[in-house]
Each structure stands twice: as C-alpha cells, then as structure tokens.
Amino acid sequence: MLPALRLRSILNHFARPSAATLKASQIVPPIRTMSSTKVETPRFPLSEVPKNMPQVQTAGLIIIGDEVLNGKTRDTNSNFFAKMCFDLGIELKRIEVIADDEEEIREAVLRMHKNYDFIATSGGIGPTHDDITYESVAKAFNLPLVYHDETIKRMEAFSKGRYDFKSQTEEQKTARLRMALFPKGQEYLFVQEDMWVPVVRVQGKVTIFPGIPALFERLLTGYVSRYIELPPASEKPYRVLIHTEMPESSIAPFLTKLADRVKKERIRVGSYPKFKVGVDVSLIGKDESRLLELAKEVEQELQGSLIAHGKIGQEADVQK
C-alpha cells in the first residue's frame, strides 16, 4: 500500500467537489418524496478489507452507453479515472467507449481482463432495458445472476421517506431490483457509508461502476483507497517538465530522435502545446538523476527551462 499520508493527500484532491459533482442535480432529475420533511441519509458499514487484495500496476476503462456515442451525454468519467490513475502511479493502458451491446461488453471485458490488473466499467447498471452491464459481465465469465440481499436491504433503508414504492406494479418492482442482480459468487464491496450501491468486483479484476459522474467519482475514490494494492512509492516513476517557447513543429525532429535514443531506458518523451505560450516537454522514467541529465540537454537544444520535477503527482515547481 502507499504511505497513508500520501494516499490521503491524493484522494482528498479527488474528493473535492468537481464540476460533475456540482452539476449532479442536472444529471439526476428531482426525486418525488413521500413528504416535504427532510430525510436523514442512513449510514451503512463499509465492507471489510480483503486479506489478499489485487495488486494493481495497469488499468483499463470501459465507458458503456449509446448516449455517450451519440453525443447526448458528455463523458467526464474517463478524464477523472485517467487523472486518478496517473497520480496514483497506475499505468492506464486503454480507454474504450462502447455501445449498450452485450457482445461488445463481453469482448472488451474479456480482452482487458487478460491484459490488465484493474478494469473498470462505467454505465449500464440501472433499472431500464438498456442497463445490461451486470448481465453481460456475468455471461462473459459464464456466471449466473443472483439477487444480493444486503444490497436490497440497503436500497430499501435508503429509500425510506424518499420514495413511495407502494403503488409500483410487479414489473416496476422487478425493474428496481435489477440494480441488485449481480454475477454470482463475486465480491460486493460497499465503499461509501452513505451509499447503498456496491462496487461489484468480478474475477478479482473487473469492477462495475455507475455512469453518473457524481456516483462514479465517489465510488471509485472509496474503492481505490481501501480495496486494491496500489503501486508502492518506490515504483512510482519520476517526471520532469521543460518549457520552451519554440513551436511544436520546430522541436519535433529533436524530440523524435530523443525518444528513439532513450526508448531502451524505458523513458517516455511527450510534448504538450500551451495555447500561444509555447510547449511543455515531459520526460518520464524511474531514474530521476538520468531525467535531470536529459532535461539539461532539452533545455539547451530547445532554448527552454526546467519548470518542475519529482515523483508523478508530486512534482515540485522549480523556482527561477
């Protein structure tokens, strides 16, 4: 695990209200309650931390939803996930956006399960006909679906005083309970005390999250803080940043040669244009002294200056 202080600092950053969280009221329509009296949110115990947590070095994310592909919904979950992985030292290898299609979900899940340590899905776990993520993931691993009693219990406790389900038909009740119909024999992790929705972890790697950004962000933050083994600080790479006012086209030939030259050292070279103010050149690798050595070369060749360096997510600005 990461040192508690560093992990807490990183996760506190992600726990701050984001634009997606602040706009949650625009994502979820107002809920008709049984009365105008304010209802206190129940608190639930968190799931115990498993003795043998999965060790995570690499990750993949699957965004599921026709509404993302047709532009009706703007995806912010992939950006949040990518930033969190970067700051925690997890190498995010792939992000895919796919339709609400059983075969596409099965194929993507199986392929990523084979290649990466931590696979997250986002979307498709509600009560409607196109919410097929639980079912599709279960079929990918030849697992039956079962109702999870504890999830139903928490759902009902959370609903008291908020929803009036007495008038629901049997079909409507069945639709609601679909949100507690999970792949059998897997892990159902309750990661936030004020949320009844669990993170379902299948085959030790595939974790199923809702698509609503406010829920995705909170459940993801709670999950990574307790239920996976993060890369140790000693394994987290360093990054140096050099800023140049030269245009990217002018620095491209040098960076191409540099990237080829340091590839065997497993050093990654990147360039990130800043609108009207030049380019930031990034060098990422395990040996900070070697990166700083290369930074001097970059400064000289590109008439630039070192602006930051340190462990990824902890880079300190260089005072000039």
C-alpha atoms as a PDB file:
ATOM      1  CA  MET A   1       0.000   0.000   0.000  1.00  0.00           C
ATOM      2  CA  LEU A   2       1.001   3.655  -0.406  1.00  0.00           C
ATOM      3  CA  PRO A   3       2.019   5.518   2.751  1.00  0.00           C
ATOM      4  CA  ALA A   4      -1.204   6.627   4.445  1.00  0.00           C
ATOM      5  CA  LEU A   5      -0.374  10.334   4.394  1.00  0.00           C
ATOM      6  CA  ARG A   6       0.444  10.409   0.662  1.00  0.00           C
ATOM      7  CA  LEU A   7      -2.583   8.323  -0.278  1.00  0.00           C
ATOM      8  CA  ARG A   8      -4.873  10.508   1.829  1.00  0.00           C
ATOM      9  CA  SER A   9      -3.494  13.654   0.180  1.00  0.00           C
ATOM     10  CA  ILE A  10      -4.066  12.284  -3.310  1.00  0.00           C
ATOM     11  CA  LEU A  11      -7.563  11.002  -2.571  1.00  0.00           C
ATOM     12  CA  ASN A  12      -8.569  14.210  -0.784  1.00  0.00           C
ATOM     13  CA  HIS A  13      -7.754  16.011  -4.022  1.00  0.00           C
ATOM     14  CA  PHE A  14     -10.165  13.796  -5.922  1.00  0.00           C
ATOM     15  CA  ALA A  15     -12.803  14.067  -3.186  1.00  0.00           C
ATOM     16  CA  ARG A  16     -13.157  17.807  -3.739  1.00  0.00           C
ATOM     17  CA  PRO A  17     -16.400  18.804  -5.492  1.00  0.00           C
ATOM     18  CA  SER A  18     -15.852  18.600  -9.221  1.00  0.00           C
ATOM     19  CA  ALA A  19     -17.888  20.201 -11.948  1.00  0.00           C
ATOM     20  CA  ALA A  20     -19.572  16.838 -12.493  1.00  0.00           C
ATOM     21  CA  THR A  21     -20.447  16.567  -8.816  1.00  0.00           C
ATOM     22  CA  LEU A  22     -21.714  20.120  -8.582  1.00  0.00           C
ATOM     23  CA  LYS A  23     -23.913  19.542 -11.634  1.00  0.00           C
ATOM     24  CA  ALA A  24     -25.336  16.279 -10.327  1.00  0.00           C
ATOM     25  CA  SER A  25     -28.711  17.937  -9.892  1.00  0.00           C
ATOM     26  CA  GLN A  26     -28.751  18.483 -13.648  1.00  0.00           C
ATOM     27  CA  ILE A  27     -27.914  14.826 -14.285  1.00  0.00           C
ATOM     28  CA  VAL A  28     -30.423  13.282 -11.890  1.00  0.00           C
ATOM     29  CA  PRO A  29     -33.970  14.719 -12.036  1.00  0.00           C
ATOM     30  CA  PRO A  30     -35.600  15.810  -8.763  1.00  0.00           C
ATOM     31  CA  ILE A  31     -36.946  12.855  -6.785  1.00  0.00           C
ATOM     32  CA  ARG A  32     -40.565  12.891  -5.665  1.00  0.00           C
ATOM     33  CA  THR A  33     -40.530  12.210  -1.929  1.00  0.00           C
ATOM     34  CA  MET A  34     -43.224  10.917   0.369  1.00  0.00           C
ATOM     35  CA  SER A  35     -43.236  14.162   2.339  1.00  0.00           C
ATOM     36  CA  SER A  36     -41.564  17.553   2.423  1.00  0.00           C
ATOM     37  CA  THR A  37     -39.789  16.643   5.669  1.00  0.00           C
ATOM     38  CA  LYS A  38     -36.047  16.438   5.295  1.00  0.00           C
ATOM     39  CA  VAL A  39     -34.941  12.811   5.458  1.00  0.00           C
ATOM     40  CA  GLU A  40     -31.642  11.962   7.096  1.00  0.00           C
ATOM     41  CA  THR A  41     -29.335   9.849   4.945  1.00  0.00           C
ATOM     42  CA  PRO A  42     -28.726   6.472   6.607  1.00  0.00           C
ATOM     43  CA  ARG A  43     -25.156   5.335   7.274  1.00  0.00           C
ATOM     44  CA  PHE A  44     -24.038   1.840   6.349  1.00  0.00           C
ATOM     45  CA  PRO A  45     -20.935  -0.095   7.434  1.00  0.00           C
ATOM     46  CA  LEU A  46     -18.156  -0.396   4.887  1.00  0.00           C
ATOM     47  CA  SER A  47     -17.123  -3.792   3.569  1.00  0.00           C
ATOM     48  CA  GLU A  48     -14.135  -5.352   5.282  1.00  0.00           C
ATOM     49  CA  VAL A  49     -10.794  -5.028   3.546  1.00  0.00           C
ATOM     50  CA  PRO A  50      -9.961  -8.427   1.977  1.00  0.00           C
ATOM     51  CA  LYS A  51      -6.811 -10.184   3.183  1.00  0.00           C
ATOM     52  CA  ASN A  52      -5.490 -10.712  -0.321  1.00  0.00           C
ATOM     53  CA  MET A  53      -6.135  -7.548  -2.272  1.00  0.00           C
ATOM     54  CA  PRO A  54      -5.374  -7.446  -6.002  1.00  0.00           C
ATOM     55  CA  GLN A  55      -2.075  -5.777  -6.812  1.00  0.00           C
ATOM     56  CA  VAL A  56      -2.553  -3.082  -9.417  1.00  0.00           C
ATOM     57  CA  GLN A  57       0.061  -1.850 -11.863  1.00  0.00           C
ATOM     58  CA  THR A  58      -2.002  -1.448 -15.058  1.00  0.00           C
ATOM     59  CA  ALA A  59      -5.597  -0.448 -15.749  1.00  0.00           C
ATOM     60  CA  GLY A  60      -8.227  -0.206 -18.452  1.00  0.00           C
ATOM     61  CA  LEU A  61     -11.562   1.629 -18.535  1.00  0.00           C
ATOM     62  CA  ILE A  62     -14.707   0.743 -20.482  1.00  0.00           C
ATOM     63  CA  ILE A  63     -17.318   3.501 -20.875  1.00  0.00           C
ATOM     64  CA  ILE A  64     -20.638   1.853 -21.746  1.00  0.00           C
ATOM     65  CA  GLY A  65     -23.535   3.768 -23.244  1.00  0.00           C
ATOM     66  CA  ASP A  66     -25.230   4.653 -26.522  1.00  0.00           C
ATOM     67  CA  GLU A  67     -25.847   8.120 -25.066  1.00  0.00           C
ATOM     68  CA  VAL A  68     -22.085   8.767 -24.954  1.00  0.00           C
ATOM     69  CA  LEU A  69     -21.571   7.573 -28.516  1.00  0.00           C
ATOM     70  CA  ASN A  70     -24.399   9.697 -29.898  1.00  0.00           C
ATOM     71  CA  GLY A  71     -23.266  12.813 -28.058  1.00  0.00           C
ATOM     72  CA  LYS A  72     -26.273  13.118 -25.765  1.00  0.00           C
ATOM     73  CA  THR A  73     -24.095  12.675 -22.667  1.00  0.00           C
ATOM     74  CA  ARG A  74     -20.650  14.215 -22.230  1.00  0.00           C
ATOM     75  CA  ASP A  75     -18.186  11.706 -20.778  1.00  0.00           C
ATOM     76  CA  THR A  76     -16.199  13.079 -17.828  1.00  0.00           C
ATOM     77  CA  ASN A  77     -15.570   9.745 -16.113  1.00  0.00           C
ATOM     78  CA  SER A  78     -12.666   8.792 -18.365  1.00  0.00           C
ATOM     79  CA  ASN A  79     -10.880  12.046 -17.585  1.00  0.00           C
ATOM     80  CA  PHE A  80     -11.395  11.595 -13.830  1.00  0.00           C
ATOM     81  CA  PHE A  81     -10.228   7.980 -13.998  1.00  0.00           C
ATOM     82  CA  ALA A  82      -7.148   8.871 -16.045  1.00  0.00           C
ATOM     83  CA  LYS A  83      -6.074  11.632 -13.668  1.00  0.00           C
ATOM     84  CA  MET A  84      -6.515   9.385 -10.634  1.00  0.00           C
ATOM     85  CA  CYS A  85      -4.508   6.568 -12.202  1.00  0.00           C
ATOM     86  CA  PHE A  86      -1.733   8.971 -13.166  1.00  0.00           C
ATOM     87  CA  ASP A  87      -1.454  10.457  -9.676  1.00  0.00           C
ATOM     88  CA  LEU A  88      -1.514   7.022  -8.011  1.00  0.00           C
ATOM     89  CA  GLY A  89       1.181   5.588 -10.267  1.00  0.00           C
ATOM     90  CA  ILE A  90      -1.173   3.183 -12.080  1.00  0.00           C
ATOM     91  CA  GLU A  91      -0.385   2.850 -15.774  1.00  0.00           C
ATOM     92  CA  LEU A  92      -3.641   3.374 -17.649  1.00  0.00           C
ATOM     93  CA  LYS A  93      -3.261   1.388 -20.865  1.00  0.00           C
ATOM     94  CA  ARG A  94      -6.621   1.802 -22.603  1.00  0.00           C
ATOM     95  CA  ILE A  95      -9.960   3.627 -22.533  1.00  0.00           C
ATOM     96  CA  GLU A  96     -12.798   2.401 -24.741  1.00  0.00           C
ATOM     97  CA  VAL A  97     -16.297   3.761 -25.330  1.00  0.00           C
ATOM     98  CA  ILE A  98     -18.734   1.081 -26.471  1.00  0.00           C
ATOM     99  CA  ALA A  99     -22.460   0.696 -27.072  1.00  0.00           C
ATOM    100  CA  ASP A 100     -25.079  -0.910 -24.858  1.00  0.00           C
ATOM    101  CA  ASP A 101     -24.421  -4.169 -26.655  1.00  0.00           C
ATOM    102  CA  GLU A 102     -23.930  -7.482 -24.857  1.00  0.00           C
ATOM    103  CA  GLU A 103     -21.361  -8.907 -27.260  1.00  0.00           C
ATOM    104  CA  GLU A 104     -19.287  -5.716 -27.298  1.00  0.00           C
ATOM    105  CA  ILE A 105     -19.251  -5.597 -23.497  1.00  0.00           C
ATOM    106  CA  ARG A 106     -18.285  -9.285 -23.248  1.00  0.00           C
ATOM    107  CA  GLU A 107     -15.470  -8.939 -25.775  1.00  0.00           C
ATOM    108  CA  ALA A 108     -13.997  -5.802 -24.187  1.00  0.00           C
ATOM    109  CA  VAL A 109     -14.188  -7.172 -20.647  1.00  0.00           C
ATOM    110  CA  LEU A 110     -12.537 -10.489 -21.514  1.00  0.00           C
ATOM    111  CA  ARG A 111      -9.785  -8.837 -23.527  1.00  0.00           C
ATOM    112  CA  MET A 112      -8.925  -6.305 -20.815  1.00  0.00           C
ATOM    113  CA  HIS A 113      -9.206  -8.929 -18.070  1.00  0.00           C
ATOM    114  CA  LYS A 114      -6.496 -10.871 -19.858  1.00  0.00           C
ATOM    115  CA  ASN A 115      -4.169  -7.885 -20.238  1.00  0.00           C
ATOM    116  CA  TYR A 116      -4.588  -5.550 -17.249  1.00  0.00           C
ATOM    117  CA  ASP A 117      -4.750  -5.670 -13.436  1.00  0.00           C
ATOM    118  CA  PHE A 118      -7.667  -3.290 -12.858  1.00  0.00           C
ATOM    119  CA  ILE A 119     -10.587  -2.981 -15.262  1.00  0.00           C
ATOM    120  CA  ALA A 120     -13.380  -0.526 -14.513  1.00  0.00           C
ATOM    121  CA  THR A 121     -16.682  -0.261 -16.335  1.00  0.00           C
ATOM    122  CA  SER A 122     -18.857   2.827 -16.223  1.00  0.00           C
ATOM    123  CA  GLY A 123     -22.566   2.833 -17.040  1.00  0.00           C
ATOM    124  CA  GLY A 124     -25.380   0.412 -17.722  1.00  0.00           C
ATOM    125  CA  ILE A 125     -26.400  -0.664 -14.200  1.00  0.00           C
ATOM    126  CA  GLY A 126     -29.805   0.993 -13.787  1.00  0.00           C
ATOM    127  CA  PRO A 127     -33.347  -0.425 -13.942  1.00  0.00           C
ATOM    128  CA  THR A 128     -34.088   0.059 -17.655  1.00  0.00           C
ATOM    129  CA  HIS A 129     -33.890  -2.341 -20.608  1.00  0.00           C
ATOM    130  CA  ASP A 130     -30.550  -0.995 -21.863  1.00  0.00           C
ATOM    131  CA  ASP A 131     -28.828  -1.394 -18.477  1.00  0.00           C
ATOM    132  CA  ILE A 132     -27.138  -4.700 -19.260  1.00  0.00           C
ATOM    133  CA  THR A 133     -23.666  -4.403 -17.744  1.00  0.00           C
ATOM    134  CA  TYR A 134     -24.138  -6.845 -14.830  1.00  0.00           C
ATOM    135  CA  GLU A 135     -25.739  -9.387 -17.151  1.00  0.00           C
ATOM    136  CA  SER A 136     -23.119  -9.004 -19.885  1.00  0.00           C
ATOM    137  CA  VAL A 137     -20.157  -9.258 -17.494  1.00  0.00           C
ATOM    138  CA  ALA A 138     -21.727 -12.341 -15.897  1.00  0.00           C
ATOM    139  CA  LYS A 139     -22.103 -14.002 -19.306  1.00  0.00           C
ATOM    140  CA  ALA A 140     -18.505 -13.142 -20.190  1.00  0.00           C
ATOM    141  CA  PHE A 141     -17.345 -15.385 -17.334  1.00  0.00           C
ATOM    142  CA  ASN A 142     -20.199 -17.931 -17.569  1.00  0.00           C
ATOM    143  CA  LEU A 143     -21.684 -16.842 -14.243  1.00  0.00           C
ATOM    144  CA  PRO A 144     -25.382 -16.890 -13.282  1.00  0.00           C
ATOM    145  CA  LEU A 145     -27.071 -13.804 -11.857  1.00  0.00           C
ATOM    146  CA  VAL A 146     -28.370 -13.726  -8.261  1.00  0.00           C
ATOM    147  CA  TYR A 147     -30.115 -11.120  -6.136  1.00  0.00           C
ATOM    148  CA  HIS A 148     -27.876  -9.744  -3.399  1.00  0.00           C
ATOM    149  CA  ASP A 149     -29.866  -9.500  -0.176  1.00  0.00           C
ATOM    150  CA  GLU A 150     -27.616  -6.960   1.534  1.00  0.00           C
ATOM    151  CA  THR A 151     -27.845  -4.570  -1.421  1.00  0.00           C
ATOM    152  CA  ILE A 152     -31.648  -4.869  -1.423  1.00  0.00           C
ATOM    153  CA  LYS A 153     -31.700  -4.245   2.322  1.00  0.00           C
ATOM    154  CA  ARG A 154     -29.586  -1.104   1.968  1.00  0.00           C
ATOM    155  CA  MET A 155     -31.587   0.085  -1.036  1.00  0.00           C
ATOM    156  CA  GLU A 156     -34.800  -0.157   0.950  1.00  0.00           C
ATOM    157  CA  ALA A 157     -33.283   1.526   4.020  1.00  0.00           C
ATOM    158  CA  PHE A 158     -32.036   4.371   1.846  1.00  0.00           C
ATOM    159  CA  SER A 159     -35.440   4.697   0.181  1.00  0.00           C
ATOM    160  CA  LYS A 160     -37.497   5.087   3.372  1.00  0.00           C
ATOM    161  CA  GLY A 161     -39.032   8.539   3.459  1.00  0.00           C
ATOM    162  CA  ARG A 162     -37.692   9.331  -0.019  1.00  0.00           C
ATOM    163  CA  TYR A 163     -39.642   7.154  -2.428  1.00  0.00           C
ATOM    164  CA  ASP A 164     -43.165   5.829  -2.376  1.00  0.00           C
ATOM    165  CA  PHE A 165     -42.944   2.357  -3.917  1.00  0.00           C
ATOM    166  CA  LYS A 166     -46.333   1.146  -2.686  1.00  0.00           C
ATOM    167  CA  SER A 167     -48.037   1.983  -5.954  1.00  0.00           C
ATOM    168  CA  GLN A 168     -45.457   0.197  -8.121  1.00  0.00           C
ATOM    169  CA  THR A 169     -46.572  -2.703 -10.262  1.00  0.00           C
ATOM    170  CA  GLU A 170     -44.768  -6.035 -10.118  1.00  0.00           C
ATOM    171  CA  GLU A 171     -42.983  -5.150 -13.356  1.00  0.00           C
ATOM    172  CA  GLN A 172     -41.790  -1.872 -11.850  1.00  0.00           C
ATOM    173  CA  LYS A 173     -40.575  -3.634  -8.698  1.00  0.00           C
ATOM    174  CA  THR A 174     -38.700  -6.174 -10.822  1.00  0.00           C
ATOM    175  CA  ALA A 175     -37.061  -3.319 -12.735  1.00  0.00           C
ATOM    176  CA  ARG A 176     -35.926  -1.724  -9.465  1.00  0.00           C
ATOM    177  CA  LEU A 177     -34.485  -4.978  -8.143  1.00  0.00           C
ATOM    178  CA  ARG A 178     -32.419  -5.396 -11.317  1.00  0.00           C
ATOM    179  CA  MET A 179     -29.998  -2.968  -9.653  1.00  0.00           C
ATOM    180  CA  ALA A 180     -29.247  -5.702  -7.090  1.00  0.00           C
ATOM    181  CA  LEU A 181     -28.944  -8.590  -9.568  1.00  0.00           C
ATOM    182  CA  PHE A 182     -25.234  -9.443  -9.693  1.00  0.00           C
ATOM    183  CA  PRO A 183     -22.878 -12.103 -11.059  1.00  0.00           C
ATOM    184  CA  LYS A 184     -22.930 -14.963  -8.546  1.00  0.00           C
ATOM    185  CA  GLY A 185     -20.094 -15.691  -6.137  1.00  0.00           C
ATOM    186  CA  GLN A 186     -18.191 -12.452  -6.695  1.00  0.00           C
ATOM    187  CA  GLU A 187     -17.203  -9.576  -4.382  1.00  0.00           C
ATOM    188  CA  TYR A 188     -19.807  -6.945  -3.500  1.00  0.00           C
ATOM    189  CA  LEU A 189     -17.898  -4.095  -1.881  1.00  0.00           C
ATOM    190  CA  PHE A 190     -19.659  -1.261  -0.054  1.00  0.00           C
ATOM    191  CA  VAL A 191     -17.117   1.535  -0.207  1.00  0.00           C
ATOM    192  CA  GLN A 192     -19.046   4.619   0.960  1.00  0.00           C
ATOM    193  CA  GLU A 193     -21.033   4.809   4.210  1.00  0.00           C
ATOM    194  CA  ASP A 194     -23.815   6.962   2.756  1.00  0.00           C
ATOM    195  CA  MET A 195     -24.354   4.990  -0.473  1.00  0.00           C
ATOM    196  CA  TRP A 196     -26.242   1.724  -0.895  1.00  0.00           C
ATOM    197  CA  VAL A 197     -24.701   0.909  -4.293  1.00  0.00           C
ATOM    198  CA  PRO A 198     -21.792  -1.574  -4.038  1.00  0.00           C
ATOM    199  CA  VAL A 199     -18.798  -1.898  -6.311  1.00  0.00           C
ATOM    200  CA  VAL A 200     -19.143  -5.379  -7.817  1.00  0.00           C
ATOM    201  CA  ARG A 201     -15.728  -6.936  -8.462  1.00  0.00           C
ATOM    202  CA  VAL A 202     -15.731  -9.902 -10.842  1.00  0.00           C
ATOM    203  CA  GLN A 203     -12.856 -12.374 -11.132  1.00  0.00           C
ATOM    204  CA  GLY A 204     -10.709 -10.154  -8.907  1.00  0.00           C
ATOM    205  CA  LYS A 205     -10.202  -7.520 -11.628  1.00  0.00           C
ATOM    206  CA  VAL A 206     -13.364  -6.266 -13.301  1.00  0.00           C
ATOM    207  CA  THR A 207     -15.067  -3.560 -11.218  1.00  0.00           C
ATOM    208  CA  ILE A 208     -18.514  -2.295 -12.169  1.00  0.00           C
ATOM    209  CA  PHE A 209     -19.394   1.371 -11.518  1.00  0.00           C
ATOM    210  CA  PRO A 210     -22.419   3.543 -12.356  1.00  0.00           C
ATOM    211  CA  GLY A 211     -22.190   6.054 -15.176  1.00  0.00           C
ATOM    212  CA  ILE A 212     -23.488   9.151 -13.346  1.00  0.00           C
ATOM    213  CA  PRO A 213     -20.297  11.173 -12.734  1.00  0.00           C
ATOM    214  CA  ALA A 214     -21.102  12.144  -9.145  1.00  0.00           C
ATOM    215  CA  LEU A 215     -21.617   8.474  -8.227  1.00  0.00           C
ATOM    216  CA  PHE A 216     -18.735   7.167 -10.336  1.00  0.00           C
ATOM    217  CA  GLU A 217     -16.254   9.557  -8.747  1.00  0.00           C
ATOM    218  CA  ARG A 218     -17.247   8.860  -5.141  1.00  0.00           C
ATOM    219  CA  LEU A 219     -17.391   5.092  -5.538  1.00  0.00           C
ATOM    220  CA  LEU A 220     -14.091   4.985  -7.434  1.00  0.00           C
ATOM    221  CA  THR A 221     -12.385   7.103  -4.770  1.00  0.00           C
ATOM    222  CA  GLY A 222     -13.718   4.908  -1.976  1.00  0.00           C
ATOM    223  CA  TYR A 223     -12.704   1.762  -3.836  1.00  0.00           C
ATOM    224  CA  VAL A 224      -9.098   2.634  -4.609  1.00  0.00           C
ATOM    225  CA  SER A 225      -8.498   3.948  -1.094  1.00  0.00           C
ATOM    226  CA  ARG A 226      -9.185   0.573   0.577  1.00  0.00           C
ATOM    227  CA  TYR A 227      -9.703  -2.363  -1.741  1.00  0.00           C
ATOM    228  CA  ILE A 228      -6.693  -2.626  -4.053  1.00  0.00           C
ATOM    229  CA  GLU A 229      -2.933  -2.793  -3.531  1.00  0.00           C
ATOM    230  CA  LEU A 230      -1.529   0.331  -5.160  1.00  0.00           C
ATOM    231  CA  PRO A 231       1.978   0.536  -6.609  1.00  0.00           C
ATOM    232  CA  PRO A 232       4.494   1.295  -3.835  1.00  0.00           C
ATOM    233  CA  ALA A 233       6.013   4.758  -3.786  1.00  0.00           C
ATOM    234  CA  SER A 234       9.390   3.265  -4.709  1.00  0.00           C
ATOM    235  CA  GLU A 235       7.928   2.011  -8.006  1.00  0.00           C
ATOM    236  CA  LYS A 236       6.280   5.263  -8.953  1.00  0.00           C
ATOM    237  CA  PRO A 237       8.138   6.968 -11.829  1.00  0.00           C
ATOM    238  CA  TYR A 238       9.539  10.484 -11.902  1.00  0.00           C
ATOM    239  CA  ARG A 239       8.636  13.240 -14.315  1.00  0.00           C
ATOM    240  CA  VAL A 240      10.494  16.376 -15.358  1.00  0.00           C
ATOM    241  CA  LEU A 241       8.893  19.223 -17.294  1.00  0.00           C
ATOM    242  CA  ILE A 242      10.789  21.640 -19.516  1.00  0.00           C
ATOM    243  CA  HIS A 243       9.066  24.635 -21.073  1.00  0.00           C
ATOM    244  CA  THR A 244      10.119  26.105 -24.408  1.00  0.00           C
ATOM    245  CA  GLU A 245       8.612  28.979 -26.364  1.00  0.00           C
ATOM    246  CA  MET A 246       9.535  27.318 -29.653  1.00  0.00           C
ATOM    247  CA  PRO A 247       6.611  25.954 -31.744  1.00  0.00           C
ATOM    248  CA  GLU A 248       5.979  22.222 -31.639  1.00  0.00           C
ATOM    249  CA  SER A 249       6.855  21.792 -35.325  1.00  0.00           C
ATOM    250  CA  SER A 250      10.322  23.216 -34.653  1.00  0.00           C
ATOM    251  CA  ILE A 251      11.064  20.897 -31.732  1.00  0.00           C
ATOM    252  CA  ALA A 252       9.554  17.763 -33.304  1.00  0.00           C
ATOM    253  CA  PRO A 253      12.724  16.495 -35.072  1.00  0.00           C
ATOM    254  CA  PHE A 254      14.811  16.717 -31.887  1.00  0.00           C
ATOM    255  CA  LEU A 255      12.135  15.051 -29.730  1.00  0.00           C
ATOM    256  CA  THR A 256      11.738  12.223 -32.257  1.00  0.00           C
ATOM    257  CA  LYS A 257      15.459  11.453 -32.110  1.00  0.00           C
ATOM    258  CA  LEU A 258      15.499  11.788 -28.318  1.00  0.00           C
ATOM    259  CA  ALA A 259      12.544   9.416 -27.896  1.00  0.00           C
ATOM    260  CA  ASP A 260      14.223   6.786 -30.094  1.00  0.00           C
ATOM    261  CA  ARG A 261      17.507   7.161 -28.200  1.00  0.00           C
ATOM    262  CA  VAL A 262      16.035   6.717 -24.695  1.00  0.00           C
ATOM    263  CA  LYS A 263      13.414   4.096 -25.562  1.00  0.00           C
ATOM    264  CA  LYS A 264      15.660   1.269 -24.317  1.00  0.00           C
ATOM    265  CA  GLU A 265      15.930   3.066 -20.972  1.00  0.00           C
ATOM    266  CA  ARG A 266      12.110   2.992 -20.744  1.00  0.00           C
ATOM    267  CA  ILE A 267      11.970   6.772 -20.682  1.00  0.00           C
ATOM    268  CA  ARG A 268       8.892   8.327 -22.256  1.00  0.00           C
ATOM    269  CA  VAL A 269       9.076  11.646 -24.075  1.00  0.00           C
ATOM    270  CA  GLY A 270       5.998  13.788 -24.593  1.00  0.00           C
ATOM    271  CA  SER A 271       5.141  17.312 -25.750  1.00  0.00           C
ATOM    272  CA  TYR A 272       2.100  19.352 -24.751  1.00  0.00           C
ATOM    273  CA  PRO A 273       1.424  22.643 -26.588  1.00  0.00           C
ATOM    274  CA  LYS A 274       0.288  25.572 -24.479  1.00  0.00           C
ATOM    275  CA  PHE A 275      -2.044  27.892 -26.359  1.00  0.00           C
ATOM    276  CA  LYS A 276       0.024  30.856 -27.567  1.00  0.00           C
ATOM    277  CA  VAL A 277       2.717  30.265 -24.919  1.00  0.00           C
ATOM    278  CA  GLY A 278       4.961  27.519 -26.278  1.00  0.00           C
ATOM    279  CA  VAL A 279       5.290  23.834 -25.389  1.00  0.00           C
ATOM    280  CA  ASP A 280       5.872  21.756 -22.239  1.00  0.00           C
ATOM    281  CA  VAL A 281       8.192  18.786 -22.828  1.00  0.00           C
ATOM    282  CA  SER A 282       7.708  15.848 -20.458  1.00  0.00           C
ATOM    283  CA  LEU A 283      10.253  13.153 -19.596  1.00  0.00           C
ATOM    284  CA  ILE A 284       9.022  10.197 -17.509  1.00  0.00           C
ATOM    285  CA  GLY A 285      11.191   7.391 -16.110  1.00  0.00           C
ATOM    286  CA  LYS A 286      12.382   5.584 -12.977  1.00  0.00           C
ATOM    287  CA  ASP A 287      15.824   7.281 -12.638  1.00  0.00           C
ATOM    288  CA  GLU A 288      15.402  10.927 -11.618  1.00  0.00           C
ATOM    289  CA  SER A 289      19.097  11.758 -11.984  1.00  0.00           C
ATOM    290  CA  ARG A 290      19.051  10.489 -15.577  1.00  0.00           C
ATOM    291  CA  LEU A 291      15.923  12.528 -16.311  1.00  0.00           C
ATOM    292  CA  LEU A 292      17.533  15.675 -14.940  1.00  0.00           C
ATOM    293  CA  GLU A 293      20.587  14.970 -17.076  1.00  0.00           C
ATOM    294  CA  LEU A 294      18.391  14.719 -20.168  1.00  0.00           C
ATOM    295  CA  ALA A 295      16.491  17.833 -19.086  1.00  0.00           C
ATOM    296  CA  LYS A 296      19.679  19.874 -19.380  1.00  0.00           C
ATOM    297  CA  GLU A 297      20.100  18.607 -22.940  1.00  0.00           C
ATOM    298  CA  VAL A 298      16.498  19.523 -23.755  1.00  0.00           C
ATOM    299  CA  GLU A 299      16.921  22.979 -22.213  1.00  0.00           C
ATOM    300  CA  GLN A 300      19.980  23.626 -24.357  1.00  0.00           C
ATOM    301  CA  GLU A 301      18.597  22.259 -27.618  1.00  0.00           C
ATOM    302  CA  LEU A 302      15.159  23.870 -27.306  1.00  0.00           C
ATOM    303  CA  GLN A 303      16.136  27.109 -25.568  1.00  0.00           C
ATOM    304  CA  GLY A 304      13.902  26.081 -22.707  1.00  0.00           C
ATOM    305  CA  SER A 305      13.923  25.945 -18.931  1.00  0.00           C
ATOM    306  CA  LEU A 306      13.150  23.289 -16.327  1.00  0.00           C
ATOM    307  CA  ILE A 307       9.841  24.138 -14.620  1.00  0.00           C
ATOM    308  CA  ALA A 308       9.052  21.085 -12.433  1.00  0.00           C
ATOM    309  CA  HIS A 309      10.300  17.651 -11.395  1.00  0.00           C
ATOM    310  CA  GLY A 310       9.572  14.891  -8.877  1.00  0.00           C
ATOM    311  CA  LYS A 311       7.507  11.766  -8.430  1.00  0.00           C
ATOM    312  CA  ILE A 312       4.447  11.699 -10.672  1.00  0.00           C
ATOM    313  CA  GLY A 313       1.636  13.553  -8.951  1.00  0.00           C
ATOM    314  CA  GLN A 314       4.108  15.212  -6.578  1.00  0.00           C
ATOM    315  CA  GLU A 315       6.153  17.340  -8.959  1.00  0.00           C
ATOM    316  CA  ALA A 316       7.581  20.463  -7.350  1.00  0.00           C
ATOM    317  CA  ASP A 317       7.817  23.689  -9.313  1.00  0.00           C
ATOM    318  CA  VAL A 318      11.330  24.941  -9.934  1.00  0.00           C
ATOM    319  CA  GLN A 319      11.889  28.448  -8.642  1.00  0.00           C
ATOM    320  CA  LYS A 320      13.807  30.616 -11.065  1.00  0.00           C
END
